[in-house]
């Protein structure tokens, strides 16, 4: 399992802002995580392009073994196909939107919607600690639980069963995608 992250330059909020930013609402000045939709199979290329534009971006990857005619190949595939997560202030969104391969920033009513920092941080920690996380069919309804210990601590999701194991399903409602991690039921509490 791998996770790829590119860090851009961090600018202090409010420091050296041009006069045209003075009247903007706080959400335009504050850096938050957003989901950038990409063309199919362009996630890694978009990540490279964003790094050249000094935009902080995150592409969670998982390991998958594929069998071809004469061999088996291990591939690092995007956990959320068609999406790269970017951390930016909305005033700087053009740097991302003008990146080749980016379709749009996901949101409602034409306005990009920020993702909770906790969800992105938990994904990064889980993948860094080699927790086996893989794509799962999108789930919105089910038994809601919260993780009490471990790298996913504090994260809320849905408890699902697969054969003889328990799986913790995290759903990102904004992009209607889910991922699942095998977890011990003792680490969960009902919400």
Protein backbone atom coordinates (compact mmCIF):
# COMPACT_ATOMS: atom_id res chain seq x y z
CA UNK A 1 0.00 0.00 0.00
CA UNK A 2 1.24 3.44 -0.73
CA UNK A 3 0.11 6.99 -0.46
CA UNK A 4 1.45 9.79 -2.53
CA UNK A 5 1.52 13.38 -1.35
CA UNK A 6 2.96 16.52 -2.81
CA UNK A 7 3.42 19.57 -0.62
CA UNK A 8 3.27 23.08 -1.90
CA UNK A 9 4.54 26.23 -0.29
CA UNK A 10 2.59 27.22 2.80
CA UNK A 11 1.61 30.86 2.98
CA UNK A 12 0.56 32.39 6.27
CA UNK A 13 -3.08 33.38 6.29
CA UNK A 14 -3.55 37.09 5.86
CA UNK A 15 0.18 37.76 5.39
CA UNK A 16 0.92 39.83 2.31
CA UNK A 17 -2.57 39.51 0.82
CA UNK A 18 -3.33 41.81 -2.11
CA UNK A 19 -6.05 44.42 -1.64
CA UNK A 20 -8.48 42.48 -3.90
CA UNK A 21 -8.68 39.70 -1.25
CA UNK A 22 -9.63 42.10 1.57
CA UNK A 23 -13.40 41.72 1.17
CA UNK A 24 -13.51 37.96 0.60
CA UNK A 25 -15.27 35.64 3.07
CA UNK A 26 -13.08 33.54 5.39
CA UNK A 27 -13.69 30.30 3.43
CA UNK A 28 -11.96 31.88 0.42
CA UNK A 29 -8.83 32.60 2.46
CA UNK A 30 -8.62 29.44 4.59
CA UNK A 31 -6.87 26.36 3.19
CA UNK A 32 -9.13 23.31 3.18
CA UNK A 33 -9.22 19.90 1.47
CA UNK A 34 -11.29 19.62 -1.72
CA UNK A 35 -11.90 16.75 -4.13
CA UNK A 36 -10.72 17.51 -7.66
CA UNK A 37 -12.42 15.32 -10.26
CA UNK A 38 -10.07 14.13 -13.01
CA UNK A 39 -10.39 12.51 -16.40
CA UNK A 40 -10.47 8.71 -16.22
CA UNK A 41 -7.08 7.19 -15.39
CA UNK A 42 -5.38 10.62 -15.14
CA UNK A 43 -4.99 10.75 -11.34
CA UNK A 44 -1.21 10.20 -11.23
CA UNK A 45 -0.58 12.62 -14.10
CA UNK A 46 -2.73 15.28 -12.39
CA UNK A 47 -0.77 14.75 -9.16
CA UNK A 48 2.50 15.42 -11.05
CA UNK A 49 1.05 18.54 -12.68
CA UNK A 50 -0.20 19.87 -9.34
CA UNK A 51 3.24 19.41 -7.79
CA UNK A 52 4.73 21.54 -10.57
CA UNK A 53 2.18 24.23 -9.73
CA UNK A 54 3.04 24.03 -5.99
CA UNK A 55 -0.45 22.88 -5.02
CA UNK A 56 -0.61 20.49 -2.06
CA UNK A 57 -2.28 17.33 -3.33
CA UNK A 58 -2.94 13.84 -2.01
CA UNK A 59 -3.68 10.68 -4.00
CA UNK A 60 -4.37 7.67 -1.75
CA UNK A 61 -3.26 4.43 -3.42
CA UNK A 62 -3.78 0.75 -2.59
CA UNK A 63 -1.92 -2.32 -3.78
CA UNK A 64 -3.72 -4.68 -6.12
CA UNK A 65 -2.38 -7.87 -7.68
CA UNK A 66 -3.64 -8.43 -11.20
CA UNK A 67 -3.18 -11.63 -13.11
CA UNK A 68 -2.39 -11.36 -16.77
CA UNK A 69 -1.96 -14.27 -19.19
CA UNK A 70 1.55 -15.27 -18.19
CA UNK A 71 2.25 -13.35 -14.97
CA UNK A 72 1.02 -11.58 -11.89
CA UNK A 73 1.61 -7.87 -11.51
CA UNK A 74 1.35 -5.68 -8.41
CA UNK A 75 -0.19 -2.31 -9.23
CA UNK A 76 -0.70 0.79 -7.09
CA UNK A 77 -4.20 1.97 -7.97
CA UNK A 78 -6.13 5.04 -6.80
CA UNK A 79 -8.35 4.33 -3.80
CA UNK A 80 -10.88 6.82 -5.20
CA UNK A 81 -10.73 6.48 -9.01
CA UNK A 82 -11.28 9.78 -10.77
CA UNK A 83 -10.37 12.00 -7.81
CA UNK A 84 -7.30 13.72 -6.35
CA UNK A 85 -7.56 15.62 -3.07
CA UNK A 86 -6.14 19.16 -3.04
CA UNK A 87 -5.54 21.51 -0.13
CA UNK A 88 -6.04 25.11 -1.10
CA UNK A 89 -7.79 28.35 -0.35
CA UNK A 90 -10.66 28.95 -2.78
CA UNK A 91 -9.03 32.19 -3.92
CA UNK A 92 -6.27 30.01 -5.47
CA UNK A 93 -8.55 27.46 -7.17
CA UNK A 94 -7.61 28.53 -10.71
CA UNK A 95 -4.16 26.96 -10.31
CA UNK A 96 -5.93 23.64 -9.83
CA UNK A 97 -8.74 24.12 -12.36
CA UNK A 98 -6.27 25.06 -15.13
CA UNK A 99 -4.25 21.88 -14.53
CA UNK A 100 -4.46 19.49 -17.51
CA UNK A 101 -6.66 16.52 -16.59
CA UNK A 102 -8.71 18.29 -13.89
CA UNK A 103 -12.43 18.49 -14.67
CA UNK A 104 -13.74 20.42 -11.66
CA UNK A 105 -13.69 20.84 -7.90
CA UNK A 106 -16.56 18.80 -6.48
CA UNK A 107 -19.32 20.73 -4.74
CA UNK A 108 -22.93 21.82 -4.78
CA UNK A 109 -24.59 24.61 -6.73
CA UNK A 110 -21.40 25.48 -8.58
CA UNK A 111 -19.51 26.08 -5.31
CA UNK A 112 -16.69 23.70 -4.26
CA UNK A 113 -17.41 21.94 -0.97
CA UNK A 114 -14.63 21.29 1.51
CA UNK A 115 -13.99 17.82 2.94
CA UNK A 116 -13.49 17.36 6.69
CA UNK A 117 -9.77 17.47 7.55
CA UNK A 118 -10.31 14.51 9.90
CA UNK A 119 -11.29 12.17 7.05
CA UNK A 120 -8.22 12.99 4.95
CA UNK A 121 -5.92 12.79 7.99
CA UNK A 122 -7.34 9.38 8.97
CA UNK A 123 -6.84 8.06 5.43
CA UNK A 124 -3.24 9.28 5.41
CA UNK A 125 -2.52 7.75 8.83
CA UNK A 126 -4.18 4.46 7.97
CA UNK A 127 -2.25 4.08 4.73
CA UNK A 128 1.02 5.18 6.39
CA UNK A 129 0.57 2.44 9.01
CA UNK A 130 -0.13 -0.15 6.32
CA UNK A 131 -3.74 -0.79 7.28
CA UNK A 132 -5.30 -2.74 4.43
CA UNK A 133 -7.76 -0.30 2.90
CA UNK A 134 -9.46 -1.00 -0.41
CA UNK A 135 -12.38 0.35 -2.46
CA UNK A 136 -15.85 -0.73 -1.40
CA UNK A 137 -19.27 -0.21 -3.02
CA UNK A 138 -20.73 3.09 -1.82
CA UNK A 139 -22.66 2.70 1.45
CA UNK A 140 -24.82 5.35 3.04
CA UNK A 141 -27.12 3.25 5.22
CA UNK A 142 -26.07 0.79 7.89
CA UNK A 143 -25.00 0.44 11.50
CA UNK A 144 -23.05 3.63 12.31
CA UNK A 145 -19.95 3.16 14.48
CA UNK A 146 -16.93 5.18 15.66
CA UNK A 147 -13.36 3.87 15.94
CA UNK A 148 -12.08 4.18 19.53
CA UNK A 149 -8.40 3.21 19.11
CA UNK A 150 -5.72 2.94 16.45
CA UNK A 151 -4.82 5.11 13.45
CA UNK A 152 -8.47 5.57 12.43
CA UNK A 153 -9.48 6.73 15.94
CA UNK A 154 -12.39 9.16 16.01
CA UNK A 155 -13.52 8.37 12.49
CA UNK A 156 -17.18 7.46 11.97
CA UNK A 157 -18.38 4.95 9.42
CA UNK A 158 -20.53 1.90 8.83
CA UNK A 159 -19.93 -1.61 10.15
CA UNK A 160 -20.16 -4.30 7.48
CA UNK A 161 -19.51 -8.05 7.55
CA UNK A 162 -17.56 -9.94 4.91
CA UNK A 163 -17.33 -13.68 5.44
CA UNK A 164 -15.97 -14.08 8.99
CA UNK A 165 -14.48 -10.63 9.42
CA UNK A 166 -15.71 -7.16 10.27
CA UNK A 167 -15.07 -4.27 7.93
CA UNK A 168 -15.21 -0.59 8.73
CA UNK A 169 -16.58 1.32 5.74
CA UNK A 170 -15.76 4.99 5.33
CA UNK A 171 -18.05 6.79 2.90
CA UNK A 172 -17.20 10.17 1.40
CA UNK A 173 -20.70 11.41 0.64
CA UNK A 174 -19.42 14.34 -1.43
CA UNK A 175 -17.95 12.05 -4.11
CA UNK A 176 -20.23 9.07 -3.37
CA UNK A 177 -17.31 6.66 -2.88
CA UNK A 178 -16.49 4.27 -0.05
CA UNK A 179 -13.42 2.44 1.20
CA UNK A 180 -13.24 -0.43 3.67
CA UNK A 181 -10.67 -1.54 6.23
CA UNK A 182 -10.63 -4.76 8.18
CA UNK A 183 -10.99 -3.93 11.85
CA UNK A 184 -11.51 -5.65 15.20
CA UNK A 185 -15.03 -5.09 16.55
CA UNK A 186 -13.50 -4.32 19.98
CA UNK A 187 -12.10 -1.08 18.49
CA UNK A 188 -15.60 0.18 17.62
CA UNK A 189 -18.45 1.81 19.55
CA UNK A 190 -21.98 2.52 18.35
CA UNK A 191 -22.83 6.10 17.40
